[in-house]
C-alpha atoms as a PDB file:
ATOM      1  CA  UNK A   1     -15.485 -33.405 -37.075  1.00  0.00           C
ATOM      2  CA  UNK A   2     -14.063 -33.110 -33.566  1.00  0.00           C
ATOM      3  CA  UNK A   3     -10.737 -31.877 -34.902  1.00  0.00           C
ATOM      4  CA  UNK A   4     -12.467 -29.373 -37.139  1.00  0.00           C
ATOM      5  CA  UNK A   5     -14.571 -28.261 -34.218  1.00  0.00           C
ATOM      6  CA  UNK A   6     -11.484 -27.583 -32.096  1.00  0.00           C
ATOM      7  CA  UNK A   7      -9.834 -25.657 -34.899  1.00  0.00           C
ATOM      8  CA  UNK A   8     -12.952 -23.575 -35.420  1.00  0.00           C
ATOM      9  CA  UNK A   9     -13.207 -22.868 -31.741  1.00  0.00           C
ATOM     10  CA  UNK A  10      -9.635 -21.587 -31.772  1.00  0.00           C
ATOM     11  CA  UNK A  11     -10.368 -19.396 -34.776  1.00  0.00           C
ATOM     12  CA  UNK A  12     -13.434 -17.958 -33.064  1.00  0.00           C
ATOM     13  CA  UNK A  13     -11.192 -16.267 -30.506  1.00  0.00           C
ATOM     14  CA  UNK A  14     -10.453 -18.831 -27.820  1.00  0.00           C
ATOM     15  CA  UNK A  15      -6.660 -18.796 -27.351  1.00  0.00           C
ATOM     16  CA  UNK A  16      -4.838 -22.020 -28.138  1.00  0.00           C
ATOM     17  CA  UNK A  17      -2.741 -23.351 -25.226  1.00  0.00           C
ATOM     18  CA  UNK A  18       0.439 -23.239 -27.288  1.00  0.00           C
ATOM     19  CA  UNK A  19      -0.216 -19.622 -28.231  1.00  0.00           C
ATOM     20  CA  UNK A  20      -0.673 -18.716 -24.579  1.00  0.00           C
ATOM     21  CA  UNK A  21       2.642 -20.349 -23.671  1.00  0.00           C
ATOM     22  CA  UNK A  22       4.474 -18.538 -26.455  1.00  0.00           C
ATOM     23  CA  UNK A  23       2.896 -15.246 -25.436  1.00  0.00           C
ATOM     24  CA  UNK A  24       3.856 -15.755 -21.799  1.00  0.00           C
ATOM     25  CA  UNK A  25       7.466 -16.635 -22.619  1.00  0.00           C
ATOM     26  CA  UNK A  26       7.855 -13.552 -24.807  1.00  0.00           C
ATOM     27  CA  UNK A  27       7.414 -11.013 -21.998  1.00  0.00           C
ATOM     28  CA  UNK A  28      10.444  -8.834 -21.289  1.00  0.00           C
ATOM     29  CA  UNK A  29      10.906  -5.883 -18.913  1.00  0.00           C
ATOM     30  CA  UNK A  30      11.349  -3.576 -21.929  1.00  0.00           C
ATOM     31  CA  UNK A  31       7.832  -4.484 -23.074  1.00  0.00           C
ATOM     32  CA  UNK A  32       6.404  -3.679 -19.622  1.00  0.00           C
ATOM     33  CA  UNK A  33       7.603  -0.155 -18.716  1.00  0.00           C
ATOM     34  CA  UNK A  34       5.041   0.174 -15.932  1.00  0.00           C
ATOM     35  CA  UNK A  35       6.895  -2.501 -13.953  1.00  0.00           C
ATOM     36  CA  UNK A  36       9.672  -0.040 -13.101  1.00  0.00           C
ATOM     37  CA  UNK A  37       7.110   2.500 -11.852  1.00  0.00           C
ATOM     38  CA  UNK A  38       5.382  -0.186  -9.784  1.00  0.00           C
ATOM     39  CA  UNK A  39       8.556  -1.492  -8.149  1.00  0.00           C
ATOM     40  CA  UNK A  40       9.967   1.981  -7.577  1.00  0.00           C
ATOM     41  CA  UNK A  41       6.798   2.513  -5.575  1.00  0.00           C
ATOM     42  CA  UNK A  42       7.296  -0.810  -3.775  1.00  0.00           C
ATOM     43  CA  UNK A  43      10.786   0.266  -2.679  1.00  0.00           C
ATOM     44  CA  UNK A  44       9.503   3.632  -1.464  1.00  0.00           C
ATOM     45  CA  UNK A  45       6.663   1.941   0.420  1.00  0.00           C
ATOM     46  CA  UNK A  46       9.057  -0.432   2.195  1.00  0.00           C
ATOM     47  CA  UNK A  47      11.367   2.408   3.180  1.00  0.00           C
ATOM     48  CA  UNK A  48       8.411   4.374   4.539  1.00  0.00           C
ATOM     49  CA  UNK A  49       6.818   1.432   6.371  1.00  0.00           C
ATOM     50  CA  UNK A  50      10.080   0.555   8.175  1.00  0.00           C
ATOM     51  CA  UNK A  51      10.999   4.172   8.939  1.00  0.00           C
ATOM     52  CA  UNK A  52       9.444   4.160  12.421  1.00  0.00           C
ATOM     53  CA  UNK A  53      10.927   0.831  13.499  1.00  0.00           C
ATOM     54  CA  UNK A  54      14.560   1.863  13.730  1.00  0.00           C
ATOM     55  CA  UNK A  55      16.701   4.880  14.457  1.00  0.00           C
ATOM     56  CA  UNK A  56      18.787   3.917  11.430  1.00  0.00           C
ATOM     57  CA  UNK A  57      16.613   4.254   8.336  1.00  0.00           C
ATOM     58  CA  UNK A  58      16.877   1.251   5.973  1.00  0.00           C
ATOM     59  CA  UNK A  59      16.706   2.255   2.321  1.00  0.00           C
ATOM     60  CA  UNK A  60      15.463   0.050  -0.528  1.00  0.00           C
ATOM     61  CA  UNK A  61      16.692   0.716  -4.054  1.00  0.00           C
ATOM     62  CA  UNK A  62      15.391  -0.981  -7.185  1.00  0.00           C
ATOM     63  CA  UNK A  63      18.468  -2.623  -8.715  1.00  0.00           C
ATOM     64  CA  UNK A  64      17.269  -4.686 -11.691  1.00  0.00           C
ATOM     65  CA  UNK A  65      14.253  -6.128 -13.479  1.00  0.00           C
ATOM     66  CA  UNK A  66      15.101  -9.158 -15.596  1.00  0.00           C
ATOM     67  CA  UNK A  67      13.751 -12.398 -17.021  1.00  0.00           C
ATOM     68  CA  UNK A  68      14.891 -15.809 -15.807  1.00  0.00           C
ATOM     69  CA  UNK A  69      13.683 -19.321 -15.112  1.00  0.00           C
ATOM     70  CA  UNK A  70      12.002 -19.770 -11.752  1.00  0.00           C
ATOM     71  CA  UNK A  71      14.085 -22.784 -10.767  1.00  0.00           C
ATOM     72  CA  UNK A  72      17.415 -21.255 -11.798  1.00  0.00           C
ATOM     73  CA  UNK A  73      16.685 -18.100  -9.789  1.00  0.00           C
ATOM     74  CA  UNK A  74      15.782 -20.025  -6.644  1.00  0.00           C
ATOM     75  CA  UNK A  75      18.637 -22.524  -6.951  1.00  0.00           C
ATOM     76  CA  UNK A  76      21.121 -19.641  -7.010  1.00  0.00           C
ATOM     77  CA  UNK A  77      20.013 -18.780  -3.450  1.00  0.00           C
ATOM     78  CA  UNK A  78      19.894 -22.294  -2.009  1.00  0.00           C
ATOM     79  CA  UNK A  79      21.102 -22.386   1.639  1.00  0.00           C
ATOM     80  CA  UNK A  80      21.747 -18.647   1.475  1.00  0.00           C
ATOM     81  CA  UNK A  81      18.281 -17.099   1.626  1.00  0.00           C
ATOM     82  CA  UNK A  82      14.813 -17.283   3.130  1.00  0.00           C
ATOM     83  CA  UNK A  83      11.816 -17.258   0.793  1.00  0.00           C
ATOM     84  CA  UNK A  84       8.259 -16.125   1.429  1.00  0.00           C
ATOM     85  CA  UNK A  85       5.399 -17.476  -0.713  1.00  0.00           C
ATOM     86  CA  UNK A  86       2.409 -15.248  -1.505  1.00  0.00           C
ATOM     87  CA  UNK A  87      -0.857 -16.347  -3.065  1.00  0.00           C
ATOM     88  CA  UNK A  88      -2.490 -13.850  -5.425  1.00  0.00           C
ATOM     89  CA  UNK A  89      -6.066 -15.079  -6.002  1.00  0.00           C
ATOM     90  CA  UNK A  90      -6.792 -12.509  -8.717  1.00  0.00           C
ATOM     91  CA  UNK A  91      -3.895 -13.908 -10.769  1.00  0.00           C
ATOM     92  CA  UNK A  92      -4.532 -17.554  -9.843  1.00  0.00           C
ATOM     93  CA  UNK A  93      -0.844 -17.780  -9.170  1.00  0.00           C
ATOM     94  CA  UNK A  94       1.856 -17.421  -6.535  1.00  0.00           C
ATOM     95  CA  UNK A  95       4.675 -14.919  -6.095  1.00  0.00           C
ATOM     96  CA  UNK A  96       7.944 -15.563  -4.250  1.00  0.00           C
ATOM     97  CA  UNK A  97       9.910 -12.979  -2.305  1.00  0.00           C
ATOM     98  CA  UNK A  98      13.355 -13.779  -0.925  1.00  0.00           C
ATOM     99  CA  UNK A  99      15.922 -12.228   1.429  1.00  0.00           C
ATOM    100  CA  UNK A 100      19.549 -13.224   1.132  1.00  0.00           C
ATOM    101  CA  UNK A 101      21.697 -13.856   4.206  1.00  0.00           C
ATOM    102  CA  UNK A 102      23.269 -10.362   4.233  1.00  0.00           C
ATOM    103  CA  UNK A 103      19.805  -8.800   4.026  1.00  0.00           C
ATOM    104  CA  UNK A 104      18.580 -10.785   7.019  1.00  0.00           C
ATOM    105  CA  UNK A 105      21.626 -10.072   9.182  1.00  0.00           C
ATOM    106  CA  UNK A 106      21.458  -6.355   8.330  1.00  0.00           C
ATOM    107  CA  UNK A 107      17.753  -6.102   9.177  1.00  0.00           C
ATOM    108  CA  UNK A 108      18.250  -7.988  12.465  1.00  0.00           C
ATOM    109  CA  UNK A 109      21.009  -5.553  13.412  1.00  0.00           C
ATOM    110  CA  UNK A 110      18.871  -2.580  12.366  1.00  0.00           C
ATOM    111  CA  UNK A 111      15.593  -3.581  14.024  1.00  0.00           C
ATOM    112  CA  UNK A 112      17.251  -4.574  17.304  1.00  0.00           C
ATOM    113  CA  UNK A 113      19.035  -1.249  17.769  1.00  0.00           C
ATOM    114  CA  UNK A 114      22.474  -2.071  16.398  1.00  0.00           C
ATOM    115  CA  UNK A 115      24.762   0.746  15.290  1.00  0.00           C
ATOM    116  CA  UNK A 116      26.834  -1.195  12.767  1.00  0.00           C
ATOM    117  CA  UNK A 117      29.984  -1.104  14.885  1.00  0.00           C
ATOM    118  CA  UNK A 118      30.291  -4.898  15.044  1.00  0.00           C
ATOM    119  CA  UNK A 119      31.594  -6.881  12.106  1.00  0.00           C
ATOM    120  CA  UNK A 120      28.866  -8.425   9.896  1.00  0.00           C
ATOM    121  CA  UNK A 121      28.211 -12.133  10.322  1.00  0.00           C
ATOM    122  CA  UNK A 122      29.629 -14.281   7.559  1.00  0.00           C
ATOM    123  CA  UNK A 123      28.906 -17.844   8.692  1.00  0.00           C
ATOM    124  CA  UNK A 124      26.591 -20.140   6.718  1.00  0.00           C
ATOM    125  CA  UNK A 125      24.776 -21.600   9.719  1.00  0.00           C
ATOM    126  CA  UNK A 126      21.068 -22.421   9.762  1.00  0.00           C
ATOM    127  CA  UNK A 127      18.782 -19.482  10.404  1.00  0.00           C
ATOM    128  CA  UNK A 128      17.539 -19.111  13.985  1.00  0.00           C
ATOM    129  CA  UNK A 129      13.887 -18.955  15.036  1.00  0.00           C
ATOM    130  CA  UNK A 130      14.250 -15.238  15.800  1.00  0.00           C
ATOM    131  CA  UNK A 131      15.631 -14.569  12.328  1.00  0.00           C
ATOM    132  CA  UNK A 132      12.789 -16.520  10.740  1.00  0.00           C
ATOM    133  CA  UNK A 133      10.219 -14.623  12.808  1.00  0.00           C
ATOM    134  CA  UNK A 134      11.732 -11.324  11.687  1.00  0.00           C
ATOM    135  CA  UNK A 135      11.580 -12.578   8.096  1.00  0.00           C
ATOM    136  CA  UNK A 136       7.918 -13.470   8.550  1.00  0.00           C
ATOM    137  CA  UNK A 137       7.233  -9.935   9.806  1.00  0.00           C
ATOM    138  CA  UNK A 138       9.156  -8.405   6.877  1.00  0.00           C
ATOM    139  CA  UNK A 139       7.282 -10.570   4.370  1.00  0.00           C
ATOM    140  CA  UNK A 140       4.068  -9.081   5.714  1.00  0.00           C
ATOM    141  CA  UNK A 141       5.416  -5.602   5.015  1.00  0.00           C
ATOM    142  CA  UNK A 142       6.503  -6.670   1.527  1.00  0.00           C
ATOM    143  CA  UNK A 143       3.001  -8.004   0.823  1.00  0.00           C
ATOM    144  CA  UNK A 144       1.462  -4.626   1.700  1.00  0.00           C
ATOM    145  CA  UNK A 145       4.041  -2.828  -0.445  1.00  0.00           C
ATOM    146  CA  UNK A 146       3.408  -5.132  -3.435  1.00  0.00           C
ATOM    147  CA  UNK A 147      -0.329  -4.664  -3.097  1.00  0.00           C
ATOM    148  CA  UNK A 148       0.122  -0.891  -3.048  1.00  0.00           C
ATOM    149  CA  UNK A 149       2.515  -0.920  -6.012  1.00  0.00           C
ATOM    150  CA  UNK A 150       0.346  -3.085  -8.249  1.00  0.00           C
ATOM    151  CA  UNK A 151      -2.660  -1.017  -7.181  1.00  0.00           C
ATOM    152  CA  UNK A 152      -1.691   1.286 -10.047  1.00  0.00           C
ATOM    153  CA  UNK A 153      -2.890  -1.321 -12.564  1.00  0.00           C
ATOM    154  CA  UNK A 154      -4.941  -3.954 -10.740  1.00  0.00           C
ATOM    155  CA  UNK A 155      -6.772  -4.697  -7.506  1.00  0.00           C
ATOM    156  CA  UNK A 156      -4.798  -7.747  -6.379  1.00  0.00           C
ATOM    157  CA  UNK A 157      -4.358  -9.052  -2.823  1.00  0.00           C
ATOM    158  CA  UNK A 158      -1.020 -10.602  -1.883  1.00  0.00           C
ATOM    159  CA  UNK A 159      -1.845 -13.160   0.803  1.00  0.00           C
ATOM    160  CA  UNK A 160       1.227 -14.408   2.652  1.00  0.00           C
ATOM    161  CA  UNK A 161       1.227 -18.206   2.951  1.00  0.00           C
ATOM    162  CA  UNK A 162       4.473 -19.537   4.396  1.00  0.00           C
ATOM    163  CA  UNK A 163       8.221 -19.196   4.945  1.00  0.00           C
ATOM    164  CA  UNK A 164      10.639 -21.565   3.224  1.00  0.00           C
ATOM    165  CA  UNK A 165      14.347 -22.060   3.853  1.00  0.00           C
ATOM    166  CA  UNK A 166      14.636 -24.737   1.159  1.00  0.00           C
ATOM    167  CA  UNK A 167      14.368 -23.112  -2.253  1.00  0.00           C
ATOM    168  CA  UNK A 168      13.129 -26.315  -3.910  1.00  0.00           C
ATOM    169  CA  UNK A 169      10.037 -26.130  -1.682  1.00  0.00           C
ATOM    170  CA  UNK A 170       9.261 -22.515  -2.636  1.00  0.00           C
ATOM    171  CA  UNK A 171       6.902 -23.266  -5.491  1.00  0.00           C
ATOM    172  CA  UNK A 172       5.405 -20.695  -7.850  1.00  0.00           C
ATOM    173  CA  UNK A 173       4.436 -22.479 -11.026  1.00  0.00           C
ATOM    174  CA  UNK A 174       6.693 -24.853 -12.922  1.00  0.00           C
ATOM    175  CA  UNK A 175      10.353 -24.503 -11.983  1.00  0.00           C
ATOM    176  CA  UNK A 176      11.391 -24.333 -15.631  1.00  0.00           C
ATOM    177  CA  UNK A 177       8.783 -21.682 -16.359  1.00  0.00           C
ATOM    178  CA  UNK A 178       9.795 -18.110 -17.278  1.00  0.00           C
ATOM    179  CA  UNK A 179       9.498 -15.372 -14.682  1.00  0.00           C
ATOM    180  CA  UNK A 180      10.087 -11.696 -14.124  1.00  0.00           C
ATOM    181  CA  UNK A 181      12.742 -11.329 -11.419  1.00  0.00           C
ATOM    182  CA  UNK A 182      13.021  -8.027  -9.558  1.00  0.00           C
ATOM    183  CA  UNK A 183      16.031  -7.277  -7.360  1.00  0.00           C
ATOM    184  CA  UNK A 184      16.291  -4.654  -4.623  1.00  0.00           C
ATOM    185  CA  UNK A 185      19.363  -3.493  -2.734  1.00  0.00           C
ATOM    186  CA  UNK A 186      19.018  -2.827   1.002  1.00  0.00           C
ATOM    187  CA  UNK A 187      21.272  -0.196   2.583  1.00  0.00           C
ATOM    188  CA  UNK A 188      21.452   0.319   6.345  1.00  0.00           C
ATOM    189  CA  UNK A 189      24.214   0.753   8.953  1.00  0.00           C
ATOM    190  CA  UNK A 190      26.787   0.937   6.138  1.00  0.00           C
ATOM    191  CA  UNK A 191      25.811  -2.603   5.238  1.00  0.00           C
ATOM    192  CA  UNK A 192      23.609  -4.116   2.585  1.00  0.00           C
ATOM    193  CA  UNK A 193      21.775  -7.106   1.267  1.00  0.00           C
ATOM    194  CA  UNK A 194      19.498  -8.206  -1.541  1.00  0.00           C
ATOM    195  CA  UNK A 195      15.774  -8.790  -1.737  1.00  0.00           C
ATOM    196  CA  UNK A 196      14.350 -10.495  -4.816  1.00  0.00           C
ATOM    197  CA  UNK A 197      10.808 -10.977  -6.095  1.00  0.00           C
ATOM    198  CA  UNK A 198       9.916 -13.755  -8.549  1.00  0.00           C
ATOM    199  CA  UNK A 199       6.675 -13.408 -10.527  1.00  0.00           C
ATOM    200  CA  UNK A 200       5.730 -16.103 -13.065  1.00  0.00           C
ATOM    201  CA  UNK A 201       5.209 -14.521 -16.470  1.00  0.00           C
ATOM    202  CA  UNK A 202       1.913 -16.366 -16.786  1.00  0.00           C
ATOM    203  CA  UNK A 203       0.620 -14.261 -13.892  1.00  0.00           C
ATOM    204  CA  UNK A 204       1.455 -11.015 -15.696  1.00  0.00           C
ATOM    205  CA  UNK A 205       0.162 -11.976 -19.141  1.00  0.00           C
ATOM    206  CA  UNK A 206      -3.439 -10.837 -18.412  1.00  0.00           C
ATOM    207  CA  UNK A 207      -1.997  -7.470 -17.252  1.00  0.00           C
ATOM    208  CA  UNK A 208       0.191  -7.021 -20.309  1.00  0.00           C
ATOM    209  CA  UNK A 209      -2.004  -4.270 -21.765  1.00  0.00           C
ATOM    210  CA  UNK A 210      -1.790  -2.196 -18.570  1.00  0.00           C
ATOM    211  CA  UNK A 211       1.887  -2.864 -17.912  1.00  0.00           C
ATOM    212  CA  UNK A 212       2.909  -1.922 -21.459  1.00  0.00           C
ATOM    213  CA  UNK A 213       1.699   1.653 -21.080  1.00  0.00           C
ATOM    214  CA  UNK A 214       4.348   4.322 -21.216  1.00  0.00           C
ATOM    215  CA  UNK A 215       5.397   5.061 -17.659  1.00  0.00           C
ATOM    216  CA  UNK A 216       4.773   8.582 -16.413  1.00  0.00           C
ATOM    217  CA  UNK A 217       6.098  10.050 -13.228  1.00  0.00           C
ATOM    218  CA  UNK A 218       3.621  10.629 -10.453  1.00  0.00           C
ATOM    219  CA  UNK A 219       3.409  14.297  -9.635  1.00  0.00           C
ATOM    220  CA  UNK A 220       3.052  14.890  -5.947  1.00  0.00           C
ATOM    221  CA  UNK A 221       1.410  18.016  -4.662  1.00  0.00           C
ATOM    222  CA  UNK A 222       3.929  20.145  -2.755  1.00  0.00           C
ATOM    223  CA  UNK A 223       3.551  20.516   0.979  1.00  0.00           C
ATOM    224  CA  UNK A 224       1.943  23.970   1.515  1.00  0.00           C
ATOM    225  CA  UNK A 225       3.730  24.479   4.845  1.00  0.00           C
ATOM    226  CA  UNK A 226       7.105  23.664   3.289  1.00  0.00           C
ATOM    227  CA  UNK A 227       6.413  25.897   0.271  1.00  0.00           C
ATOM    228  CA  UNK A 228       5.451  28.745   2.588  1.00  0.00           C
ATOM    229  CA  UNK A 229       8.591  28.301   4.668  1.00  0.00           C
ATOM    230  CA  UNK A 230      10.839  28.273   1.597  1.00  0.00           C
ATOM    231  CA  UNK A 231       9.098  31.399   0.305  1.00  0.00           C
ATOM    232  CA  UNK A 232       9.647  33.207   3.617  1.00  0.00           C
ATOM    233  CA  UNK A 233      13.331  32.271   3.682  1.00  0.00           C
ATOM    234  CA  UNK A 234      13.846  33.394   0.083  1.00  0.00           C
ATOM    235  CA  UNK A 235      12.078  36.708   0.680  1.00  0.00           C
ATOM    236  CA  UNK A 236      14.275  37.403   3.719  1.00  0.00           C
ATOM    237  CA  UNK A 237      17.480  36.899   1.740  1.00  0.00           C
ATOM    238  CA  UNK A 238      19.551  40.095   1.644  1.00  0.00           C
ATOM    239  CA  UNK A 239      20.750  41.295  -1.777  1.00  0.00           C
ATOM    240  CA  UNK A 240      22.868  44.319  -2.702  1.00  0.00           C
ATOM    241  CA  UNK A 241      21.276  46.693  -5.222  1.00  0.00           C
ATOM    242  CA  UNK A 242      23.016  49.633  -6.899  1.00  0.00           C
ATOM    243  CA  UNK A 243      21.855  52.498  -9.102  1.00  0.00           C
ATOM    244  CA  UNK A 244      24.033  53.273 -12.118  1.00  0.00           C
ATOM    245  CA  UNK A 245      23.643  56.928 -13.162  1.00  0.00           C
ATOM    246  CA  UNK A 246      25.804  56.613 -16.268  1.00  0.00           C
ATOM    247  CA  UNK A 247      28.820  54.701 -17.508  1.00  0.00           C
ATOM    248  CA  UNK A 248      31.642  55.987 -19.665  1.00  0.00           C
ATOM    249  CA  UNK A 249      34.668  54.292 -21.176  1.00  0.00           C
ATOM    250  CA  UNK A 250      38.153  55.631 -20.438  1.00  0.00           C
ATOM    251  CA  UNK A 251      41.562  54.776 -21.818  1.00  0.00           C
ATOM    252  CA  UNK A 252      44.507  54.118 -19.556  1.00  0.00           C
ATOM    253  CA  UNK A 253      45.838  57.496 -20.605  1.00  0.00           C
ATOM    254  CA  UNK A 254      42.625  59.196 -19.483  1.00  0.00           C
ATOM    255  CA  UNK A 255      42.793  57.450 -16.132  1.00  0.00           C
ATOM    256  CA  UNK A 256      46.430  58.530 -15.666  1.00  0.00           C
ATOM    257  CA  UNK A 257      45.479  62.178 -16.202  1.00  0.00           C
ATOM    258  CA  UNK A 258      42.764  62.218 -13.530  1.00  0.00           C
ATOM    259  CA  UNK A 259      43.437  64.470 -10.525  1.00  0.00           C
ATOM    260  CA  UNK A 260      41.857  64.864  -7.107  1.00  0.00           C
ATOM    261  CA  UNK A 261      38.998  67.386  -7.309  1.00  0.00           C
ATOM    262  CA  UNK A 262      38.573  67.031 -11.051  1.00  0.00           C
ATOM    263  CA  UNK A 263      34.904  67.089 -12.152  1.00  0.00           C
ATOM    264  CA  UNK A 264      33.738  64.389 -14.571  1.00  0.00           C
ATOM    265  CA  UNK A 265      30.865  65.530 -16.736  1.00  0.00           C
ATOM    266  CA  UNK A 266      28.287  62.863 -17.530  1.00  0.00           C
ATOM    267  CA  UNK A 267      25.741  63.181 -20.359  1.00  0.00           C
ATOM    268  CA  UNK A 268      22.715  63.030 -18.086  1.00  0.00           C
ATOM    269  CA  UNK A 269      19.916  65.338 -17.038  1.00  0.00           C
ATOM    270  CA  UNK A 270      17.436  65.266 -14.133  1.00  0.00           C
ATOM    271  CA  UNK A 271      15.028  63.611 -16.573  1.00  0.00           C
ATOM    272  CA  UNK A 272      17.445  60.838 -17.488  1.00  0.00           C
ATOM    273  CA  UNK A 273      16.591  57.352 -16.315  1.00  0.00           C
ATOM    274  CA  UNK A 274      18.899  55.440 -14.011  1.00  0.00           C
ATOM    275  CA  UNK A 275      19.585  51.714 -14.246  1.00  0.00           C
ATOM    276  CA  UNK A 276      18.988  49.683 -11.087  1.00  0.00           C
ATOM    277  CA  UNK A 277      20.894  46.398 -11.011  1.00  0.00           C
ATOM    278  CA  UNK A 278      21.940  43.586  -8.666  1.00  0.00           C
ATOM    279  CA  UNK A 279      24.928  41.313  -9.150  1.00  0.00           C
ATOM    280  CA  UNK A 280      25.494  42.928 -12.585  1.00  0.00           C
ATOM    281  CA  UNK A 281      21.985  41.920 -13.648  1.00  0.00           C
ATOM    282  CA  UNK A 282      19.773  44.862 -14.796  1.00  0.00           C
ATOM    283  CA  UNK A 283      16.446  44.985 -12.984  1.00  0.00           C
ATOM    284  CA  UNK A 284      14.615  48.341 -13.373  1.00  0.00           C
ATOM    285  CA  UNK A 285      14.722  51.788 -14.915  1.00  0.00           C
ATOM    286  CA  UNK A 286      14.187  54.548 -12.347  1.00  0.00           C
ATOM    287  CA  UNK A 287      14.215  58.349 -11.976  1.00  0.00           C
ATOM    288  CA  UNK A 288      16.389  60.151  -9.454  1.00  0.00           C
ATOM    289  CA  UNK A 289      14.595  62.282  -6.847  1.00  0.00           C
ATOM    290  CA  UNK A 290      14.891  63.690  -3.338  1.00  0.00           C
ATOM    291  CA  UNK A 291      12.987  63.209  -0.103  1.00  0.00           C
ATOM    292  CA  UNK A 292      13.843  64.514   3.395  1.00  0.00           C
ATOM    293  CA  UNK A 293      17.273  65.602   2.198  1.00  0.00           C
ATOM    294  CA  UNK A 294      18.127  62.205   0.707  1.00  0.00           C
ATOM    295  CA  UNK A 295      18.399  60.983  -2.847  1.00  0.00           C
ATOM    296  CA  UNK A 296      15.623  58.588  -3.841  1.00  0.00           C
ATOM    297  CA  UNK A 297      14.754  56.400  -6.778  1.00  0.00           C
ATOM    298  CA  UNK A 298      11.302  56.187  -8.343  1.00  0.00           C
ATOM    299  CA  UNK A 299      10.911  52.887 -10.228  1.00  0.00           C
ATOM    300  CA  UNK A 300       9.656  53.506 -13.761  1.00  0.00           C
ATOM    301  CA  UNK A 301       9.559  50.022 -15.356  1.00  0.00           C
ATOM    302  CA  UNK A 302      11.243  46.629 -15.385  1.00  0.00           C
ATOM    303  CA  UNK A 303      14.090  46.209 -17.835  1.00  0.00           C
ATOM    304  CA  UNK A 304      13.365  43.986 -20.830  1.00  0.00           C
ATOM    305  CA  UNK A 305      16.807  42.467 -21.383  1.00  0.00           C
ATOM    306  CA  UNK A 306      15.972  41.136 -24.837  1.00  0.00           C
ATOM    307  CA  UNK A 307      14.752  44.536 -26.022  1.00  0.00           C
ATOM    308  CA  UNK A 308      17.758  46.292 -24.482  1.00  0.00           C
ATOM    309  CA  UNK A 309      20.083  43.896 -26.298  1.00  0.00           C
ATOM    310  CA  UNK A 310      18.402  44.613 -29.640  1.00  0.00           C
ATOM    311  CA  UNK A 311      18.536  48.385 -29.011  1.00  0.00           C
ATOM    312  CA  UNK A 312      22.218  48.114 -28.120  1.00  0.00           C
ATOM    313  CA  UNK A 313      22.969  46.227 -31.344  1.00  0.00           C
ATOM    314  CA  UNK A 314      21.022  48.722 -33.475  1.00  0.00           C
ATOM    315  CA  UNK A 315      22.801  51.641 -31.812  1.00  0.00           C
ATOM    316  CA  UNK A 316      26.122  50.303 -33.052  1.00  0.00           C
END
């Protein structure tokens, strides 16, 4: 009876543990298109948040979103990275963010006013207290950026817990568990580095419905001041306009017979319309007139190029 009861409970809609594990392990970045939108936003947020801290602007670029085992990802950075552990209460899980050695050295150089003229450090020494303090500060910025990015689909708080230099101590679920691994490239002072984020797939399973939506680009409202300035600059641009009274085809023989003072008769009358064009592009039809002893043009209508093309074809 107990076994039957458990089976019935499962059939009534309560997910079996094995089914949940299979579902979690089946997540791939291709099934979660919103992840790219979220982490594009995270990179933009980090770039913006660090903009005012250095004369040399560090730039974060989303490099890859992939699946991997938590332990294998962390072991690949052993002795070569610093990890920050975040607790996400809404997910009942933890997220790991890591900076590799090149990332840390580049950010130290950037934040402390370096100009990139000195050769990058390449030694594998232990990280100093100053470097770890800078990492702690940067993890705080990453937490805000992650919270903002995931704000598109959920209201989750990323609470920073601790810094780890030993990757085997940076726990976020079982080490053999599947995870979504996101990699960013840092560029500053003609140098670079990598930042990675490890999210257990079990944490994202409840968000699968939201993350599987087709990603759409966020449309930002244009800056009115900038639009107005561009409009003013465009309107002040000088262009050359010419009025074509009539055109006539000549042969080389006709051109050779032309003499100074010879009058060329054109099939036009005072009522004929004149084509106004700029850069060989027809713009308006106009009538020729006079005012204060000068020739003038009175605009009649804009030229419909499609209609003119059809008329030209029919005339042939």
